[in-house]
Amino acid sequence: MRIEYLKSILRQEVGFFDKQSNSSTTFQVIATITSDAQTIQDTMSDK
């Protein structure tokens, strides 16, 4: 799932990253991917 999420981010136009406050650095993108994937995993395991 993380790979698919990363692929979708990388498919964005360059301007997408200019519009995203605090999301344009590599670290922040990776941190978001990790956090979102963990949230999804936690939600799925609760069922």
C-alpha atoms as a PDB file:
ATOM      1  CA  MET A   1       0.000   0.000   0.000  1.00  0.00           C
ATOM      2  CA  ARG A   2       2.843   2.397   0.756  1.00  0.00           C
ATOM      3  CA  ILE A   3       4.299   1.840  -2.693  1.00  0.00           C
ATOM      4  CA  GLU A   4       0.976   2.632  -4.371  1.00  0.00           C
ATOM      5  CA  TYR A   5       0.610   5.753  -2.229  1.00  0.00           C
ATOM      6  CA  LEU A   6       4.116   6.897  -3.156  1.00  0.00           C
ATOM      7  CA  LYS A   7       3.413   6.249  -6.843  1.00  0.00           C
ATOM      8  CA  SER A   8       0.297   8.398  -6.671  1.00  0.00           C
ATOM      9  CA  ILE A   9       2.256  11.233  -5.069  1.00  0.00           C
ATOM     10  CA  LEU A  10       5.013  11.000  -7.657  1.00  0.00           C
ATOM     11  CA  ARG A  11       2.435  11.185 -10.481  1.00  0.00           C
ATOM     12  CA  GLN A  12       1.356  14.662  -9.358  1.00  0.00           C
ATOM     13  CA  GLU A  13       2.310  17.722 -11.366  1.00  0.00           C
ATOM     14  CA  VAL A  14       5.287  19.647  -9.983  1.00  0.00           C
ATOM     15  CA  GLY A  15       2.974  22.533  -9.090  1.00  0.00           C
ATOM     16  CA  PHE A  16       1.136  20.238  -6.681  1.00  0.00           C
ATOM     17  CA  PHE A  17       4.118  20.319  -4.334  1.00  0.00           C
ATOM     18  CA  ASP A  18       4.373  24.108  -4.559  1.00  0.00           C
ATOM     19  CA  LYS A  19       0.770  24.398  -3.359  1.00  0.00           C
ATOM     20  CA  GLN A  20       1.174  22.032  -0.425  1.00  0.00           C
ATOM     21  CA  SER A  21       2.353  23.901   2.638  1.00  0.00           C
ATOM     22  CA  ASN A  22       4.801  21.870   4.717  1.00  0.00           C
ATOM     23  CA  SER A  23       4.575  18.920   2.310  1.00  0.00           C
ATOM     24  CA  SER A  24       7.209  19.734  -0.267  1.00  0.00           C
ATOM     25  CA  THR A  25      10.252  18.225   1.404  1.00  0.00           C
ATOM     26  CA  THR A  26      11.200  14.612   0.921  1.00  0.00           C
ATOM     27  CA  PHE A  27      11.153  13.946   4.655  1.00  0.00           C
ATOM     28  CA  GLN A  28       7.645  15.304   5.059  1.00  0.00           C
ATOM     29  CA  VAL A  29       6.319  13.263   2.126  1.00  0.00           C
ATOM     30  CA  ILE A  30       7.836  10.086   3.566  1.00  0.00           C
ATOM     31  CA  ALA A  31       6.551  10.890   7.052  1.00  0.00           C
ATOM     32  CA  THR A  32       3.054  11.395   5.657  1.00  0.00           C
ATOM     33  CA  ILE A  33       3.187   8.100   3.766  1.00  0.00           C
ATOM     34  CA  THR A  34       4.294   6.257   6.893  1.00  0.00           C
ATOM     35  CA  SER A  35       1.695   7.907   9.107  1.00  0.00           C
ATOM     36  CA  ASP A  36      -1.181   7.390   6.664  1.00  0.00           C
ATOM     37  CA  ALA A  37      -0.237   3.762   6.034  1.00  0.00           C
ATOM     38  CA  GLN A  38      -0.094   3.115   9.783  1.00  0.00           C
ATOM     39  CA  THR A  39      -3.495   4.747  10.278  1.00  0.00           C
ATOM     40  CA  ILE A  40      -5.017   2.588   7.543  1.00  0.00           C
ATOM     41  CA  GLN A  41      -3.405  -0.543   8.985  1.00  0.00           C
ATOM     42  CA  ASP A  42      -4.682   0.271  12.483  1.00  0.00           C
ATOM     43  CA  THR A  43      -8.182   0.885  11.146  1.00  0.00           C
ATOM     44  CA  MET A  44      -8.217  -2.363   9.179  1.00  0.00           C
ATOM     45  CA  SER A  45      -6.962  -4.408  12.144  1.00  0.00           C
ATOM     46  CA  ASP A  46      -9.733  -3.059  14.400  1.00  0.00           C
ATOM     47  CA  LYS A  47     -12.376  -4.896  12.354  1.00  0.00           C
END
